[in-house]
Amino acid sequence: MNNDIITLIVPAKPEYVMIARLTSAAFASRLGFDVDQIEDIKMSVAEAIILILNQAVKPRELLIKFKHLNQDIHIDITGQGDWIETNISSQDIDHAQLSRYILGSMMDEVEFKTDNGIMRAICMHKGCGGSS
């Protein structure tokens, strides 16, 4: 199963977060992650999606790739398509800081890819047996 990739394209709407969470849990389970690690991965996927959606502009859809590389799960979440303006509140900005903290504590490594201050993608990975 090494080097397997699962790709999802979902509308950039909160109601589709559950599909990404369930896919991440099923894939991580197949890779041998324990229950606590799977919960960390599911929470990280949800937080990353929320972080991309809660901005001044958001994408029309999300490309989510789950990859198995060298006993690690790699997850790339990228906004794609046209980006549309949204109404962002100060509460959303505060939540963004919390989301970054959660991602950093749940995953072994997280990379935020921005362009002109807009979060375009989040790439993260966790090793099987890595920190939880």
C-alpha atoms as a PDB file:
ATOM      1  CA  MET A   1       0.000   0.000   0.000  1.00  0.00           C
ATOM      2  CA  ASN A   2       3.057   2.273   0.080  1.00  0.00           C
ATOM      3  CA  ASN A   3       2.816   5.269  -2.296  1.00  0.00           C
ATOM      4  CA  ASP A   4      -0.967   4.975  -2.620  1.00  0.00           C
ATOM      5  CA  ILE A   5      -2.830   8.246  -3.228  1.00  0.00           C
ATOM      6  CA  ILE A   6      -6.483   9.131  -2.706  1.00  0.00           C
ATOM      7  CA  THR A   7      -7.735  12.340  -4.321  1.00  0.00           C
ATOM      8  CA  LEU A   8     -10.970  14.140  -3.469  1.00  0.00           C
ATOM      9  CA  ILE A   9     -12.433  17.244  -5.039  1.00  0.00           C
ATOM     10  CA  VAL A  10     -15.249  18.723  -2.970  1.00  0.00           C
ATOM     11  CA  PRO A  11     -17.139  22.018  -3.003  1.00  0.00           C
ATOM     12  CA  ALA A  12     -15.558  24.537  -0.625  1.00  0.00           C
ATOM     13  CA  LYS A  13     -18.476  24.404   1.797  1.00  0.00           C
ATOM     14  CA  PRO A  14     -18.495  23.440   5.483  1.00  0.00           C
ATOM     15  CA  GLU A  15     -21.019  20.661   4.892  1.00  0.00           C
ATOM     16  CA  TYR A  16     -18.367  18.697   2.954  1.00  0.00           C
ATOM     17  CA  VAL A  17     -15.823  18.650   5.804  1.00  0.00           C
ATOM     18  CA  MET A  18     -17.289  15.353   7.026  1.00  0.00           C
ATOM     19  CA  ILE A  19     -16.422  13.614   3.740  1.00  0.00           C
ATOM     20  CA  ALA A  20     -12.776  14.630   4.107  1.00  0.00           C
ATOM     21  CA  ARG A  21     -12.722  13.605   7.791  1.00  0.00           C
ATOM     22  CA  LEU A  22     -14.189  10.174   7.071  1.00  0.00           C
ATOM     23  CA  THR A  23     -11.801   9.594   4.172  1.00  0.00           C
ATOM     24  CA  SER A  24      -8.817  10.572   6.308  1.00  0.00           C
ATOM     25  CA  ALA A  25      -9.932   8.201   9.085  1.00  0.00           C
ATOM     26  CA  ALA A  26     -10.447   5.267   6.730  1.00  0.00           C
ATOM     27  CA  PHE A  27      -7.108   5.811   4.989  1.00  0.00           C
ATOM     28  CA  ALA A  28      -5.179   6.273   8.259  1.00  0.00           C
ATOM     29  CA  SER A  29      -6.779   3.124   9.653  1.00  0.00           C
ATOM     30  CA  ARG A  30      -5.645   1.138   6.598  1.00  0.00           C
ATOM     31  CA  LEU A  31      -2.113   2.470   7.157  1.00  0.00           C
ATOM     32  CA  GLY A  32      -2.048   1.175  10.728  1.00  0.00           C
ATOM     33  CA  PHE A  33      -2.448   4.373  12.734  1.00  0.00           C
ATOM     34  CA  ASP A  34      -3.902   3.910  16.213  1.00  0.00           C
ATOM     35  CA  VAL A  35      -7.225   5.373  17.344  1.00  0.00           C
ATOM     36  CA  ASP A  36      -5.680   8.463  18.974  1.00  0.00           C
ATOM     37  CA  GLN A  37      -3.590   9.229  15.899  1.00  0.00           C
ATOM     38  CA  ILE A  38      -6.640   8.819  13.659  1.00  0.00           C
ATOM     39  CA  GLU A  39      -8.549  11.315  15.813  1.00  0.00           C
ATOM     40  CA  ASP A  40      -5.635  13.767  15.501  1.00  0.00           C
ATOM     41  CA  ILE A  41      -5.623  13.338  11.723  1.00  0.00           C
ATOM     42  CA  LYS A  42      -9.404  13.808  11.426  1.00  0.00           C
ATOM     43  CA  MET A  43      -9.302  16.947  13.566  1.00  0.00           C
ATOM     44  CA  SER A  44      -6.373  18.326  11.570  1.00  0.00           C
ATOM     45  CA  VAL A  45      -8.164  17.800   8.265  1.00  0.00           C
ATOM     46  CA  ALA A  46     -11.239  19.629   9.562  1.00  0.00           C
ATOM     47  CA  GLU A  47      -9.188  22.504  10.996  1.00  0.00           C
ATOM     48  CA  ALA A  48      -7.186  22.900   7.778  1.00  0.00           C
ATOM     49  CA  ILE A  49     -10.351  23.088   5.690  1.00  0.00           C
ATOM     50  CA  ILE A  50     -11.935  25.595   8.071  1.00  0.00           C
ATOM     51  CA  LEU A  51      -8.754  27.673   7.954  1.00  0.00           C
ATOM     52  CA  ILE A  52      -8.874  27.853   4.154  1.00  0.00           C
ATOM     53  CA  LEU A  53     -12.612  28.629   4.117  1.00  0.00           C
ATOM     54  CA  ASN A  54     -12.580  31.338   6.819  1.00  0.00           C
ATOM     55  CA  GLN A  55     -10.730  34.019   4.877  1.00  0.00           C
ATOM     56  CA  ALA A  56     -11.598  37.244   3.081  1.00  0.00           C
ATOM     57  CA  VAL A  57     -11.741  35.165  -0.105  1.00  0.00           C
ATOM     58  CA  LYS A  58     -12.335  31.452  -0.452  1.00  0.00           C
ATOM     59  CA  PRO A  59     -12.040  28.936  -3.281  1.00  0.00           C
ATOM     60  CA  ARG A  60     -14.987  27.371  -5.063  1.00  0.00           C
ATOM     61  CA  GLU A  61     -13.637  23.875  -4.440  1.00  0.00           C
ATOM     62  CA  LEU A  62     -11.003  21.992  -2.489  1.00  0.00           C
ATOM     63  CA  LEU A  63      -8.548  19.443  -3.836  1.00  0.00           C
ATOM     64  CA  ILE A  64      -7.608  17.050  -1.029  1.00  0.00           C
ATOM     65  CA  LYS A  65      -4.856  14.472  -1.516  1.00  0.00           C
ATOM     66  CA  PHE A  66      -4.075  11.720   0.962  1.00  0.00           C
ATOM     67  CA  LYS A  67      -0.734  10.010   0.299  1.00  0.00           C
ATOM     68  CA  HIS A  68       1.063   7.105   1.957  1.00  0.00           C
ATOM     69  CA  LEU A  69       4.809   7.653   1.840  1.00  0.00           C
ATOM     70  CA  ASN A  70       7.368   5.795   3.984  1.00  0.00           C
ATOM     71  CA  GLN A  71       4.971   4.931   6.828  1.00  0.00           C
ATOM     72  CA  ASP A  72       3.668   8.532   6.906  1.00  0.00           C
ATOM     73  CA  ILE A  73       0.341   9.943   5.879  1.00  0.00           C
ATOM     74  CA  HIS A  74       0.698  13.132   3.842  1.00  0.00           C
ATOM     75  CA  ILE A  75      -2.348  15.338   3.381  1.00  0.00           C
ATOM     76  CA  ASP A  76      -2.461  18.277   0.966  1.00  0.00           C
ATOM     77  CA  ILE A  77      -5.515  20.536   0.969  1.00  0.00           C
ATOM     78  CA  THR A  78      -5.544  23.100  -1.830  1.00  0.00           C
ATOM     79  CA  GLY A  79      -8.128  25.689  -2.797  1.00  0.00           C
ATOM     80  CA  GLN A  80      -8.814  25.748  -6.504  1.00  0.00           C
ATOM     81  CA  GLY A  81     -11.106  27.326  -9.039  1.00  0.00           C
ATOM     82  CA  ASP A  82     -12.304  30.912  -8.816  1.00  0.00           C
ATOM     83  CA  TRP A  83     -11.855  32.582  -5.441  1.00  0.00           C
ATOM     84  CA  ILE A  84     -14.873  34.512  -4.161  1.00  0.00           C
ATOM     85  CA  GLU A  85     -15.115  37.251  -1.539  1.00  0.00           C
ATOM     86  CA  THR A  86     -16.621  36.413   1.840  1.00  0.00           C
ATOM     87  CA  ASN A  87     -17.564  38.296   4.974  1.00  0.00           C
ATOM     88  CA  ILE A  88     -14.958  37.554   7.615  1.00  0.00           C
ATOM     89  CA  SER A  89     -15.393  38.442  11.269  1.00  0.00           C
ATOM     90  CA  SER A  90     -12.831  39.084  13.984  1.00  0.00           C
ATOM     91  CA  GLN A  91     -13.985  35.800  15.531  1.00  0.00           C
ATOM     92  CA  ASP A  92     -12.913  34.001  12.326  1.00  0.00           C
ATOM     93  CA  ILE A  93      -9.489  35.666  12.568  1.00  0.00           C
ATOM     94  CA  ASP A  94      -9.132  34.521  16.192  1.00  0.00           C
ATOM     95  CA  HIS A  95     -10.176  31.012  15.172  1.00  0.00           C
ATOM     96  CA  ALA A  96      -7.481  31.013  12.462  1.00  0.00           C
ATOM     97  CA  GLN A  97      -4.775  31.409  15.108  1.00  0.00           C
ATOM     98  CA  LEU A  98      -6.282  28.555  17.119  1.00  0.00           C
ATOM     99  CA  SER A  99      -6.493  26.391  13.981  1.00  0.00           C
ATOM    100  CA  ARG A 100      -2.785  26.934  13.268  1.00  0.00           C
ATOM    101  CA  TYR A 101      -1.935  25.949  16.834  1.00  0.00           C
ATOM    102  CA  ILE A 102      -4.106  22.819  16.645  1.00  0.00           C
ATOM    103  CA  LEU A 103      -2.528  21.760  13.352  1.00  0.00           C
ATOM    104  CA  GLY A 104       0.972  22.258  14.715  1.00  0.00           C
ATOM    105  CA  SER A 105       0.265  20.186  17.796  1.00  0.00           C
ATOM    106  CA  MET A 106      -1.610  17.331  16.087  1.00  0.00           C
ATOM    107  CA  MET A 107       0.590  16.721  13.052  1.00  0.00           C
ATOM    108  CA  ASP A 108       4.340  16.107  12.813  1.00  0.00           C
ATOM    109  CA  GLU A 109       4.828  18.820  10.198  1.00  0.00           C
ATOM    110  CA  VAL A 110       2.571  21.495   8.685  1.00  0.00           C
ATOM    111  CA  GLU A 111       3.295  23.890   5.819  1.00  0.00           C
ATOM    112  CA  PHE A 112       1.047  26.848   5.053  1.00  0.00           C
ATOM    113  CA  LYS A 113       1.203  28.085   1.467  1.00  0.00           C
ATOM    114  CA  THR A 114       0.043  31.666   1.033  1.00  0.00           C
ATOM    115  CA  ASP A 115      -0.162  34.094  -1.852  1.00  0.00           C
ATOM    116  CA  ASN A 116      -0.752  37.801  -1.176  1.00  0.00           C
ATOM    117  CA  GLY A 117      -1.901  37.011   2.358  1.00  0.00           C
ATOM    118  CA  ILE A 118      -4.412  34.366   1.243  1.00  0.00           C
ATOM    119  CA  MET A 119      -4.010  30.783   2.462  1.00  0.00           C
ATOM    120  CA  ARG A 120      -3.972  28.775  -0.787  1.00  0.00           C
ATOM    121  CA  ALA A 121      -2.924  25.366   0.536  1.00  0.00           C
ATOM    122  CA  ILE A 122      -2.006  23.456   3.668  1.00  0.00           C
ATOM    123  CA  CYS A 123       0.319  20.459   3.495  1.00  0.00           C
ATOM    124  CA  MET A 124       0.812  18.255   6.538  1.00  0.00           C
ATOM    125  CA  HIS A 125       2.055  14.843   7.487  1.00  0.00           C
ATOM    126  CA  LYS A 126       2.110  12.463  10.414  1.00  0.00           C
ATOM    127  CA  GLY A 127       4.210   9.371  10.883  1.00  0.00           C
ATOM    128  CA  CYS A 128       2.686   6.125  12.049  1.00  0.00           C
ATOM    129  CA  GLY A 129       3.874   6.033  15.638  1.00  0.00           C
ATOM    130  CA  GLY A 130       4.636   9.774  15.454  1.00  0.00           C
ATOM    131  CA  SER A 131       3.729  12.312  18.108  1.00  0.00           C
ATOM    132  CA  SER A 132       0.102  12.547  19.105  1.00  0.00           C
END
